[in-house]
Amino acid sequence: MKLPIKYQTAAFCLFMSFFMSMAISFCLTVISYGLNDGFLLTWLPKYALSFAIAFPVSLLVVPLVRSIVGRVCL
């Protein structure tokens, strides 16, 4: 199933924020707490919070970033 093109920005933001917040929260949790027995129980709530922040922020920022990139690239 493919989404209509009008949802391209929202889908981009969803997937980008999903993977970026996963990677960043994982790395910061490993740095702060280490890989111990309770790692998943420590990391998952932090990941959920970071995704809840990253997705709406990306919806606001991506159009601005596209505009800036359009000005600096040929």
Foldseek 3Di string as FASTA:
>chain_A
DDDPPVCVQLVVLLVVLLVVLLVVLLVVLCVVPNDDPCSCVVRVVSSVVSSVVRSVVSSVCVVVVVVVCVVVDD
